[in-house]
């Protein structure tokens, strides 16, 4: 009888142990599955937030390009001309320098050229030039300044950034 009790106890003990191991395995599987689902939900949330952030920032960057940069371009042409003229002063000696600017740019550029650069200056409008462009001519030498090209490069860089990040957001 004692032996039957011991065997019955052992059988019950093993069955309890097997049930505990099985329950633990099921819990681990459920936890792993829940964790994987939470990670997938988090990944989707992050991707969606990133896409929405990009969609919000891109119009701002594009608006900056269209609103601010042309005005900055217009306002800085005279400063660029001033810097170029100062750098060229040693090369020019006393030759007259003709500065050709786009029609309508004379009023913006003329005040910046009032100082004495050590050589005579003449400011003229050239209908072949666009806003943000200027030609400095002295003797046989001509130097071009094209800030509109810089504006175009910055615009392309921002548009390229927006395109690349949209593509990344769409394809993960």
C-alpha atoms as a PDB file:
ATOM      1  CA  UNK A   1       0.000   0.000   0.000  1.00  0.00           C
ATOM      2  CA  UNK A   2       2.835   2.305   0.910  1.00  0.00           C
ATOM      3  CA  UNK A   3       4.432   1.660  -2.447  1.00  0.00           C
ATOM      4  CA  UNK A   4       1.188   2.503  -4.259  1.00  0.00           C
ATOM      5  CA  UNK A   5       0.959   5.782  -2.338  1.00  0.00           C
ATOM      6  CA  UNK A   6       4.547   6.659  -3.242  1.00  0.00           C
ATOM      7  CA  UNK A   7       3.999   5.802  -6.868  1.00  0.00           C
ATOM      8  CA  UNK A   8       0.770   7.798  -6.920  1.00  0.00           C
ATOM      9  CA  UNK A   9       2.558  10.753  -5.285  1.00  0.00           C
ATOM     10  CA  UNK A  10       5.385  10.555  -7.845  1.00  0.00           C
ATOM     11  CA  UNK A  11       2.913  10.400 -10.715  1.00  0.00           C
ATOM     12  CA  UNK A  12       0.992  13.388  -9.363  1.00  0.00           C
ATOM     13  CA  UNK A  13       4.212  15.283  -8.683  1.00  0.00           C
ATOM     14  CA  UNK A  14       5.477  14.668 -12.271  1.00  0.00           C
ATOM     15  CA  UNK A  15       2.096  15.614 -13.705  1.00  0.00           C
ATOM     16  CA  UNK A  16       2.129  18.838 -11.677  1.00  0.00           C
ATOM     17  CA  UNK A  17       5.687  19.575 -12.736  1.00  0.00           C
ATOM     18  CA  UNK A  18       4.841  18.883 -16.405  1.00  0.00           C
ATOM     19  CA  UNK A  19       1.781  21.142 -16.123  1.00  0.00           C
ATOM     20  CA  UNK A  20       3.926  23.906 -14.601  1.00  0.00           C
ATOM     21  CA  UNK A  21       6.517  23.601 -17.389  1.00  0.00           C
ATOM     22  CA  UNK A  22       3.769  23.583 -20.014  1.00  0.00           C
ATOM     23  CA  UNK A  23       2.092  26.651 -18.450  1.00  0.00           C
ATOM     24  CA  UNK A  24       5.429  28.468 -18.283  1.00  0.00           C
ATOM     25  CA  UNK A  25       6.139  27.686 -21.966  1.00  0.00           C
ATOM     26  CA  UNK A  26       2.693  28.914 -22.948  1.00  0.00           C
ATOM     27  CA  UNK A  27       3.202  32.101 -20.901  1.00  0.00           C
ATOM     28  CA  UNK A  28       6.586  32.695 -22.554  1.00  0.00           C
ATOM     29  CA  UNK A  29       5.045  32.158 -26.000  1.00  0.00           C
ATOM     30  CA  UNK A  30       2.199  34.551 -25.198  1.00  0.00           C
ATOM     31  CA  UNK A  31       4.622  37.151 -23.797  1.00  0.00           C
ATOM     32  CA  UNK A  32       6.875  36.848 -26.861  1.00  0.00           C
ATOM     33  CA  UNK A  33       3.871  37.182 -29.167  1.00  0.00           C
ATOM     34  CA  UNK A  34       2.551  40.227 -27.268  1.00  0.00           C
ATOM     35  CA  UNK A  35       6.023  41.785 -27.281  1.00  0.00           C
ATOM     36  CA  UNK A  36       6.373  41.248 -31.044  1.00  0.00           C
ATOM     37  CA  UNK A  37       2.940  42.819 -31.612  1.00  0.00           C
ATOM     38  CA  UNK A  38       3.846  45.804 -29.418  1.00  0.00           C
ATOM     39  CA  UNK A  39       7.100  46.288 -31.345  1.00  0.00           C
ATOM     40  CA  UNK A  40       5.227  46.143 -34.628  1.00  0.00           C
ATOM     41  CA  UNK A  41       2.678  48.691 -33.352  1.00  0.00           C
ATOM     42  CA  UNK A  42       5.495  50.929 -32.116  1.00  0.00           C
ATOM     43  CA  UNK A  43       7.284  50.690 -35.450  1.00  0.00           C
ATOM     44  CA  UNK A  44       4.111  51.663 -37.292  1.00  0.00           C
ATOM     45  CA  UNK A  45       3.517  54.556 -34.894  1.00  0.00           C
ATOM     46  CA  UNK A  46       7.101  55.803 -35.340  1.00  0.00           C
ATOM     47  CA  UNK A  47       6.881  55.554 -39.139  1.00  0.00           C
ATOM     48  CA  UNK A  48       3.539  57.334 -39.170  1.00  0.00           C
ATOM     49  CA  UNK A  49       4.813  60.100 -36.868  1.00  0.00           C
ATOM     50  CA  UNK A  50       7.954  60.502 -38.985  1.00  0.00           C
ATOM     51  CA  UNK A  51       5.880  60.728 -42.169  1.00  0.00           C
ATOM     52  CA  UNK A  52       3.547  63.289 -40.624  1.00  0.00           C
ATOM     53  CA  UNK A  53       6.489  65.332 -39.349  1.00  0.00           C
ATOM     54  CA  UNK A  54       8.073  65.278 -42.787  1.00  0.00           C
ATOM     55  CA  UNK A  55       4.795  66.283 -44.412  1.00  0.00           C
ATOM     56  CA  UNK A  56       4.572  69.185 -41.974  1.00  0.00           C
ATOM     57  CA  UNK A  57       8.168  70.376 -42.425  1.00  0.00           C
ATOM     58  CA  UNK A  58       8.427  70.051 -46.202  1.00  0.00           C
ATOM     59  CA  UNK A  59       5.913  72.822 -47.009  1.00  0.00           C
ATOM     60  CA  UNK A  60       7.731  75.076 -44.550  1.00  0.00           C
ATOM     61  CA  UNK A  61      11.068  74.436 -46.264  1.00  0.00           C
ATOM     62  CA  UNK A  62       9.529  74.984 -49.675  1.00  0.00           C
ATOM     63  CA  UNK A  63       7.846  78.196 -48.513  1.00  0.00           C
ATOM     64  CA  UNK A  64      11.187  79.410 -47.155  1.00  0.00           C
ATOM     65  CA  UNK A  65      12.763  78.751 -50.523  1.00  0.00           C
ATOM     66  CA  UNK A  66      10.092  80.643 -52.400  1.00  0.00           C
ATOM     67  CA  UNK A  67       9.587  83.506 -49.928  1.00  0.00           C
ATOM     68  CA  UNK A  68      12.859  84.150 -48.117  1.00  0.00           C
ATOM     69  CA  UNK A  69      15.639  83.178 -50.474  1.00  0.00           C
ATOM     70  CA  UNK A  70      14.682  85.445 -53.384  1.00  0.00           C
ATOM     71  CA  UNK A  71      14.581  88.426 -51.007  1.00  0.00           C
ATOM     72  CA  UNK A  72      17.923  87.392 -49.502  1.00  0.00           C
ATOM     73  CA  UNK A  73      19.307  87.019 -52.994  1.00  0.00           C
ATOM     74  CA  UNK A  74      18.124  90.503 -53.929  1.00  0.00           C
ATOM     75  CA  UNK A  75      19.474  92.001 -50.699  1.00  0.00           C
ATOM     76  CA  UNK A  76      22.904  90.352 -50.870  1.00  0.00           C
ATOM     77  CA  UNK A  77      23.834  91.015 -54.505  1.00  0.00           C
ATOM     78  CA  UNK A  78      25.354  94.376 -53.599  1.00  0.00           C
ATOM     79  CA  UNK A  79      27.386  92.833 -50.772  1.00  0.00           C
ATOM     80  CA  UNK A  80      28.750  90.159 -53.102  1.00  0.00           C
ATOM     81  CA  UNK A  81      29.665  92.827 -55.639  1.00  0.00           C
ATOM     82  CA  UNK A  82      31.377  94.836 -52.903  1.00  0.00           C
ATOM     83  CA  UNK A  83      33.435  91.820 -51.802  1.00  0.00           C
ATOM     84  CA  UNK A  84      34.435  90.975 -55.390  1.00  0.00           C
ATOM     85  CA  UNK A  85      35.420  94.566 -56.133  1.00  0.00           C
ATOM     86  CA  UNK A  86      37.516  94.824 -52.989  1.00  0.00           C
ATOM     87  CA  UNK A  87      39.337  91.592 -53.872  1.00  0.00           C
ATOM     88  CA  UNK A  88      39.946  92.781 -57.445  1.00  0.00           C
ATOM     89  CA  UNK A  89      41.238  96.250 -56.467  1.00  0.00           C
ATOM     90  CA  UNK A  90      44.911  95.240 -56.628  1.00  0.00           C
ATOM     91  CA  UNK A  91      44.531  93.674 -60.089  1.00  0.00           C
ATOM     92  CA  UNK A  92      42.694  96.532 -61.721  1.00  0.00           C
ATOM     93  CA  UNK A  93      45.002  99.490 -61.114  1.00  0.00           C
ATOM     94  CA  UNK A  94      43.179 102.577 -62.464  1.00  0.00           C
ATOM     95  CA  UNK A  95      41.063 100.994 -65.201  1.00  0.00           C
ATOM     96  CA  UNK A  96      37.358 101.730 -65.216  1.00  0.00           C
ATOM     97  CA  UNK A  97      35.180  98.876 -64.046  1.00  0.00           C
ATOM     98  CA  UNK A  98      31.756  98.499 -65.587  1.00  0.00           C
ATOM     99  CA  UNK A  99      29.234  96.722 -63.406  1.00  0.00           C
ATOM    100  CA  UNK A 100      26.338  95.285 -65.343  1.00  0.00           C
ATOM    101  CA  UNK A 101      23.241  94.340 -63.359  1.00  0.00           C
ATOM    102  CA  UNK A 102      19.725  93.203 -64.178  1.00  0.00           C
ATOM    103  CA  UNK A 103      17.143  95.888 -64.937  1.00  0.00           C
ATOM    104  CA  UNK A 104      15.813  97.357 -61.697  1.00  0.00           C
ATOM    105  CA  UNK A 105      18.802  96.309 -59.564  1.00  0.00           C
ATOM    106  CA  UNK A 106      20.637  99.638 -59.883  1.00  0.00           C
ATOM    107  CA  UNK A 107      18.846 101.240 -56.906  1.00  0.00           C
ATOM    108  CA  UNK A 108      19.799  98.363 -54.625  1.00  0.00           C
ATOM    109  CA  UNK A 109      23.430  98.117 -55.728  1.00  0.00           C
ATOM    110  CA  UNK A 110      24.402 101.786 -56.160  1.00  0.00           C
ATOM    111  CA  UNK A 111      24.503 102.720 -52.426  1.00  0.00           C
ATOM    112  CA  UNK A 112      26.921  99.870 -51.715  1.00  0.00           C
ATOM    113  CA  UNK A 113      29.317 101.116 -54.368  1.00  0.00           C
ATOM    114  CA  UNK A 114      29.609 104.706 -53.117  1.00  0.00           C
ATOM    115  CA  UNK A 115      32.915 104.196 -51.297  1.00  0.00           C
ATOM    116  CA  UNK A 116      36.229 104.716 -53.046  1.00  0.00           C
ATOM    117  CA  UNK A 117      37.609 101.401 -54.284  1.00  0.00           C
ATOM    118  CA  UNK A 118      40.670 103.064 -55.828  1.00  0.00           C
ATOM    119  CA  UNK A 119      39.400 102.854 -59.406  1.00  0.00           C
ATOM    120  CA  UNK A 120      36.498 104.386 -61.318  1.00  0.00           C
ATOM    121  CA  UNK A 121      33.172 102.517 -61.408  1.00  0.00           C
ATOM    122  CA  UNK A 122      30.255 102.724 -63.803  1.00  0.00           C
ATOM    123  CA  UNK A 123      26.972 100.963 -63.057  1.00  0.00           C
ATOM    124  CA  UNK A 124      24.740  99.918 -65.975  1.00  0.00           C
ATOM    125  CA  UNK A 125      21.707  97.740 -66.473  1.00  0.00           C
ATOM    126  CA  UNK A 126      21.869  94.823 -68.883  1.00  0.00           C
ATOM    127  CA  UNK A 127      18.537  93.276 -69.948  1.00  0.00           C
ATOM    128  CA  UNK A 128      20.332  89.982 -70.654  1.00  0.00           C
ATOM    129  CA  UNK A 129      20.974  89.532 -66.910  1.00  0.00           C
ATOM    130  CA  UNK A 130      18.429  88.071 -64.514  1.00  0.00           C
ATOM    131  CA  UNK A 131      17.808  89.122 -60.928  1.00  0.00           C
ATOM    132  CA  UNK A 132      20.720  88.002 -58.762  1.00  0.00           C
ATOM    133  CA  UNK A 133      23.236  88.156 -61.625  1.00  0.00           C
ATOM    134  CA  UNK A 134      25.939  90.744 -62.296  1.00  0.00           C
ATOM    135  CA  UNK A 135      28.950  91.069 -64.597  1.00  0.00           C
ATOM    136  CA  UNK A 136      32.110  92.914 -63.591  1.00  0.00           C
ATOM    137  CA  UNK A 137      34.022  94.080 -66.659  1.00  0.00           C
ATOM    138  CA  UNK A 138      37.425  95.736 -66.753  1.00  0.00           C
ATOM    139  CA  UNK A 139      39.598  95.722 -69.791  1.00  0.00           C
ATOM    140  CA  UNK A 140      39.498  92.271 -71.355  1.00  0.00           C
ATOM    141  CA  UNK A 141      38.530  90.630 -68.094  1.00  0.00           C
ATOM    142  CA  UNK A 142      35.000  89.776 -67.067  1.00  0.00           C
ATOM    143  CA  UNK A 143      33.799  88.132 -63.889  1.00  0.00           C
ATOM    144  CA  UNK A 144      30.268  86.896 -63.368  1.00  0.00           C
ATOM    145  CA  UNK A 145      28.319  86.700 -60.146  1.00  0.00           C
ATOM    146  CA  UNK A 146      25.254  84.485 -60.234  1.00  0.00           C
ATOM    147  CA  UNK A 147      23.368  84.254 -56.971  1.00  0.00           C
ATOM    148  CA  UNK A 148      20.301  82.915 -58.774  1.00  0.00           C
ATOM    149  CA  UNK A 149      22.328  79.773 -59.542  1.00  0.00           C
ATOM    150  CA  UNK A 150      23.013  79.421 -55.830  1.00  0.00           C
ATOM    151  CA  UNK A 151      19.285  79.814 -55.144  1.00  0.00           C
ATOM    152  CA  UNK A 152      18.549  77.073 -57.661  1.00  0.00           C
ATOM    153  CA  UNK A 153      21.141  74.751 -56.061  1.00  0.00           C
ATOM    154  CA  UNK A 154      19.667  75.292 -52.574  1.00  0.00           C
ATOM    155  CA  UNK A 155      16.154  74.726 -53.928  1.00  0.00           C
ATOM    156  CA  UNK A 156      17.226  71.479 -55.605  1.00  0.00           C
ATOM    157  CA  UNK A 157      18.985  70.326 -52.429  1.00  0.00           C
ATOM    158  CA  UNK A 158      15.876  70.902 -50.283  1.00  0.00           C
ATOM    159  CA  UNK A 159      13.601  69.261 -52.860  1.00  0.00           C
ATOM    160  CA  UNK A 160      15.997  66.301 -53.077  1.00  0.00           C
ATOM    161  CA  UNK A 161      16.017  65.974 -49.290  1.00  0.00           C
ATOM    162  CA  UNK A 162      12.219  66.042 -49.168  1.00  0.00           C
ATOM    163  CA  UNK A 163      11.948  63.463 -51.955  1.00  0.00           C
ATOM    164  CA  UNK A 164      14.483  61.108 -50.347  1.00  0.00           C
ATOM    165  CA  UNK A 165      12.908  61.284 -46.903  1.00  0.00           C
ATOM    166  CA  UNK A 166       9.410  60.754 -48.335  1.00  0.00           C
ATOM    167  CA  UNK A 167      10.689  57.696 -50.187  1.00  0.00           C
ATOM    168  CA  UNK A 168      12.367  56.375 -47.015  1.00  0.00           C
ATOM    169  CA  UNK A 169       9.205  56.919 -45.001  1.00  0.00           C
ATOM    170  CA  UNK A 170       7.097  55.137 -47.620  1.00  0.00           C
ATOM    171  CA  UNK A 171       9.418  52.155 -47.961  1.00  0.00           C
ATOM    172  CA  UNK A 172      10.724  51.954 -44.413  1.00  0.00           C
END
